[in-house]
Amino acid sequence: MAGEQRTVEPGTDVLIRKVDSHLATLRAGLHGPELELAERLAHCLREMVLCTAQASAADRGQVRVAVHYFVLRRESRGRLLSVRSLTAAERVVDRVARQLGRLDLLAVLRRDRPTPDDAQPLNN
């Protein structure tokens, strides 16, 4: 029986499944801009997982933190668990993308919105 040679790290599949599973849950309850942001975050995280599969342990660890921040829920005092703010997850994903030098994976939906890191001082 011939099998395919896999070049991805074992943890890569697990992280991508976590992202996809969480996104499926979010799709059931989100609409409009929130759903668009969740979709964009999931896309960015999948790409980061794949591009760091063969990278250093430090880079893979940063991506793992971003994935866990996106998918994990916080305990609340009520019966239900509250979902972390997607904008907070966006900040974490963007920070990791910048650290990896992958500005193409920034989760910012509106590119016209300046971020503190993008601000350039005026030398007039």
C-alpha atoms as a PDB file:
ATOM      1  CA  MET A   1       0.000   0.000   0.000  1.00  0.00           C
ATOM      2  CA  ALA A   2       1.563   3.258  -1.127  1.00  0.00           C
ATOM      3  CA  GLY A   3       1.160   6.320   1.076  1.00  0.00           C
ATOM      4  CA  GLU A   4       1.879   9.980   0.605  1.00  0.00           C
ATOM      5  CA  GLN A   5       4.957  11.522   2.140  1.00  0.00           C
ATOM      6  CA  ARG A   6       3.844  14.229   4.565  1.00  0.00           C
ATOM      7  CA  THR A   7       6.007  17.283   5.090  1.00  0.00           C
ATOM      8  CA  VAL A   8       3.920  18.997   7.762  1.00  0.00           C
ATOM      9  CA  GLU A   9       4.614  18.794  11.439  1.00  0.00           C
ATOM     10  CA  PRO A  10       2.162  16.722  13.515  1.00  0.00           C
ATOM     11  CA  GLY A  11       0.943  19.746  15.509  1.00  0.00           C
ATOM     12  CA  THR A  12       0.055  21.625  12.343  1.00  0.00           C
ATOM     13  CA  ASP A  13      -3.035  19.533  11.602  1.00  0.00           C
ATOM     14  CA  VAL A  14      -4.233  19.866  15.184  1.00  0.00           C
ATOM     15  CA  LEU A  15      -3.961  23.663  15.156  1.00  0.00           C
ATOM     16  CA  ILE A  16      -5.742  23.980  11.820  1.00  0.00           C
ATOM     17  CA  ARG A  17      -8.540  21.677  13.013  1.00  0.00           C
ATOM     18  CA  LYS A  18      -8.936  23.835  16.131  1.00  0.00           C
ATOM     19  CA  VAL A  19      -9.228  26.988  14.025  1.00  0.00           C
ATOM     20  CA  ASP A  20     -11.698  25.379  11.601  1.00  0.00           C
ATOM     21  CA  SER A  21     -13.817  23.937  14.393  1.00  0.00           C
ATOM     22  CA  HIS A  22     -14.020  27.256  16.213  1.00  0.00           C
ATOM     23  CA  LEU A  23     -14.864  29.074  12.994  1.00  0.00           C
ATOM     24  CA  ALA A  24     -17.720  26.624  12.338  1.00  0.00           C
ATOM     25  CA  THR A  25     -19.094  27.425  15.790  1.00  0.00           C
ATOM     26  CA  LEU A  26     -18.788  31.161  15.184  1.00  0.00           C
ATOM     27  CA  ARG A  27     -20.558  30.884  11.822  1.00  0.00           C
ATOM     28  CA  ALA A  28     -23.670  29.678  13.633  1.00  0.00           C
ATOM     29  CA  GLY A  29     -23.919  32.831  15.735  1.00  0.00           C
ATOM     30  CA  LEU A  30     -22.176  35.666  13.917  1.00  0.00           C
ATOM     31  CA  HIS A  31     -23.243  37.765  10.957  1.00  0.00           C
ATOM     32  CA  GLY A  32     -21.956  40.739   8.998  1.00  0.00           C
ATOM     33  CA  PRO A  33     -18.678  42.402   9.992  1.00  0.00           C
ATOM     34  CA  GLU A  34     -18.086  40.079  12.969  1.00  0.00           C
ATOM     35  CA  LEU A  35     -18.318  37.012  10.740  1.00  0.00           C
ATOM     36  CA  GLU A  36     -16.039  38.646   8.161  1.00  0.00           C
ATOM     37  CA  LEU A  37     -13.469  39.321  10.887  1.00  0.00           C
ATOM     38  CA  ALA A  38     -13.707  35.758  12.206  1.00  0.00           C
ATOM     39  CA  GLU A  39     -13.222  34.397   8.658  1.00  0.00           C
ATOM     40  CA  ARG A  40     -10.213  36.659   8.093  1.00  0.00           C
ATOM     41  CA  LEU A  41      -8.656  35.700  11.431  1.00  0.00           C
ATOM     42  CA  ALA A  42      -9.115  32.009  10.647  1.00  0.00           C
ATOM     43  CA  HIS A  43      -7.503  32.462   7.218  1.00  0.00           C
ATOM     44  CA  CYS A  44      -4.537  34.334   8.712  1.00  0.00           C
ATOM     45  CA  LEU A  45      -4.059  31.732  11.424  1.00  0.00           C
ATOM     46  CA  ARG A  46      -4.172  28.819   8.969  1.00  0.00           C
ATOM     47  CA  GLU A  47      -1.545  30.521   6.812  1.00  0.00           C
ATOM     48  CA  MET A  48       0.662  31.250   9.838  1.00  0.00           C
ATOM     49  CA  VAL A  49       0.430  27.632  10.978  1.00  0.00           C
ATOM     50  CA  LEU A  50       1.473  26.402   7.538  1.00  0.00           C
ATOM     51  CA  CYS A  51       4.269  28.925   7.021  1.00  0.00           C
ATOM     52  CA  THR A  52       5.835  28.151  10.416  1.00  0.00           C
ATOM     53  CA  ALA A  53       5.545  24.351  10.217  1.00  0.00           C
ATOM     54  CA  GLN A  54       9.295  24.115   9.578  1.00  0.00           C
ATOM     55  CA  ALA A  55      10.268  27.306  11.461  1.00  0.00           C
ATOM     56  CA  SER A  56      11.902  27.723  14.836  1.00  0.00           C
ATOM     57  CA  ALA A  57      10.198  26.548  18.001  1.00  0.00           C
ATOM     58  CA  ALA A  58       9.821  30.171  19.090  1.00  0.00           C
ATOM     59  CA  ASP A  59       7.923  31.113  15.914  1.00  0.00           C
ATOM     60  CA  ARG A  60       5.728  28.015  16.122  1.00  0.00           C
ATOM     61  CA  GLY A  61       5.047  28.828  19.772  1.00  0.00           C
ATOM     62  CA  GLN A  62       3.910  32.360  18.921  1.00  0.00           C
ATOM     63  CA  VAL A  63       1.506  31.015  16.308  1.00  0.00           C
ATOM     64  CA  ARG A  64       0.218  28.392  18.738  1.00  0.00           C
ATOM     65  CA  VAL A  65      -0.489  31.158  21.276  1.00  0.00           C
ATOM     66  CA  ALA A  66      -2.427  33.135  18.644  1.00  0.00           C
ATOM     67  CA  VAL A  67      -4.475  30.060  17.687  1.00  0.00           C
ATOM     68  CA  HIS A  68      -5.282  29.297  21.308  1.00  0.00           C
ATOM     69  CA  TYR A  69      -6.196  32.920  21.948  1.00  0.00           C
ATOM     70  CA  PHE A  70      -8.638  32.768  19.015  1.00  0.00           C
ATOM     71  CA  VAL A  71     -10.252  29.458  19.936  1.00  0.00           C
ATOM     72  CA  LEU A  72     -10.320  29.422  23.728  1.00  0.00           C
ATOM     73  CA  ARG A  73     -13.180  30.802  25.732  1.00  0.00           C
ATOM     74  CA  ARG A  74     -13.082  32.562  29.065  1.00  0.00           C
ATOM     75  CA  GLU A  75     -15.044  31.346  32.053  1.00  0.00           C
ATOM     76  CA  SER A  76     -17.972  33.510  33.029  1.00  0.00           C
ATOM     77  CA  ARG A  77     -20.085  33.548  36.148  1.00  0.00           C
ATOM     78  CA  GLY A  78     -23.245  32.532  34.300  1.00  0.00           C
ATOM     79  CA  ARG A  79     -24.202  29.219  32.732  1.00  0.00           C
ATOM     80  CA  LEU A  80     -22.684  30.157  29.399  1.00  0.00           C
ATOM     81  CA  LEU A  81     -19.102  30.806  28.482  1.00  0.00           C
ATOM     82  CA  SER A  82     -18.367  34.200  27.036  1.00  0.00           C
ATOM     83  CA  VAL A  83     -16.426  34.325  23.789  1.00  0.00           C
ATOM     84  CA  ARG A  84     -13.266  36.395  23.726  1.00  0.00           C
ATOM     85  CA  SER A  85     -13.585  39.575  21.776  1.00  0.00           C
ATOM     86  CA  LEU A  86     -12.672  39.081  18.135  1.00  0.00           C
ATOM     87  CA  THR A  87     -10.977  42.466  18.142  1.00  0.00           C
ATOM     88  CA  ALA A  88      -8.718  41.276  20.962  1.00  0.00           C
ATOM     89  CA  ALA A  89      -7.887  38.176  18.911  1.00  0.00           C
ATOM     90  CA  GLU A  90      -7.253  40.453  15.927  1.00  0.00           C
ATOM     91  CA  ARG A  91      -4.636  42.382  17.919  1.00  0.00           C
ATOM     92  CA  VAL A  92      -2.882  39.133  18.916  1.00  0.00           C
ATOM     93  CA  VAL A  93      -2.927  37.752  15.363  1.00  0.00           C
ATOM     94  CA  ASP A  94      -1.611  41.035  13.956  1.00  0.00           C
ATOM     95  CA  ARG A  95       1.166  41.174  16.550  1.00  0.00           C
ATOM     96  CA  VAL A  96       2.302  37.648  15.659  1.00  0.00           C
ATOM     97  CA  ALA A  97       2.101  38.394  11.919  1.00  0.00           C
ATOM     98  CA  ARG A  98       4.351  41.436  12.445  1.00  0.00           C
ATOM     99  CA  GLN A  99       6.815  39.396  14.526  1.00  0.00           C
ATOM    100  CA  LEU A 100       6.990  36.822  11.740  1.00  0.00           C
ATOM    101  CA  GLY A 101       7.498  39.555   9.146  1.00  0.00           C
ATOM    102  CA  ARG A 102       4.302  38.506   7.376  1.00  0.00           C
ATOM    103  CA  LEU A 103       2.496  41.807   6.897  1.00  0.00           C
ATOM    104  CA  ASP A 104       0.383  40.102   4.223  1.00  0.00           C
ATOM    105  CA  LEU A 105      -1.257  38.132   7.052  1.00  0.00           C
ATOM    106  CA  LEU A 106      -2.454  41.117   9.044  1.00  0.00           C
ATOM    107  CA  ALA A 107      -6.099  40.574   9.946  1.00  0.00           C
ATOM    108  CA  VAL A 108      -6.987  44.246   9.522  1.00  0.00           C
ATOM    109  CA  LEU A 109     -10.088  44.414   7.340  1.00  0.00           C
ATOM    110  CA  ARG A 110      -9.819  48.098   6.466  1.00  0.00           C
ATOM    111  CA  ARG A 111      -6.329  48.916   5.243  1.00  0.00           C
ATOM    112  CA  ASP A 112      -7.075  52.646   5.520  1.00  0.00           C
ATOM    113  CA  ARG A 113      -7.126  52.357   9.316  1.00  0.00           C
ATOM    114  CA  PRO A 114      -3.637  53.282  10.596  1.00  0.00           C
ATOM    115  CA  THR A 115      -2.091  51.193  13.331  1.00  0.00           C
ATOM    116  CA  PRO A 116       0.454  52.501  15.849  1.00  0.00           C
ATOM    117  CA  ASP A 117       3.232  50.437  14.222  1.00  0.00           C
ATOM    118  CA  ASP A 118       2.436  51.824  10.756  1.00  0.00           C
ATOM    119  CA  ALA A 119       2.555  55.479  11.802  1.00  0.00           C
ATOM    120  CA  GLN A 120       5.501  57.318  10.271  1.00  0.00           C
ATOM    121  CA  PRO A 121       6.896  60.434  11.942  1.00  0.00           C
ATOM    122  CA  LEU A 122       6.875  63.574   9.856  1.00  0.00           C
ATOM    123  CA  ASN A 123      10.291  65.164   9.463  1.00  0.00           C
ATOM    124  CA  ASN A 124       9.249  68.683   8.490  1.00  0.00           C
END
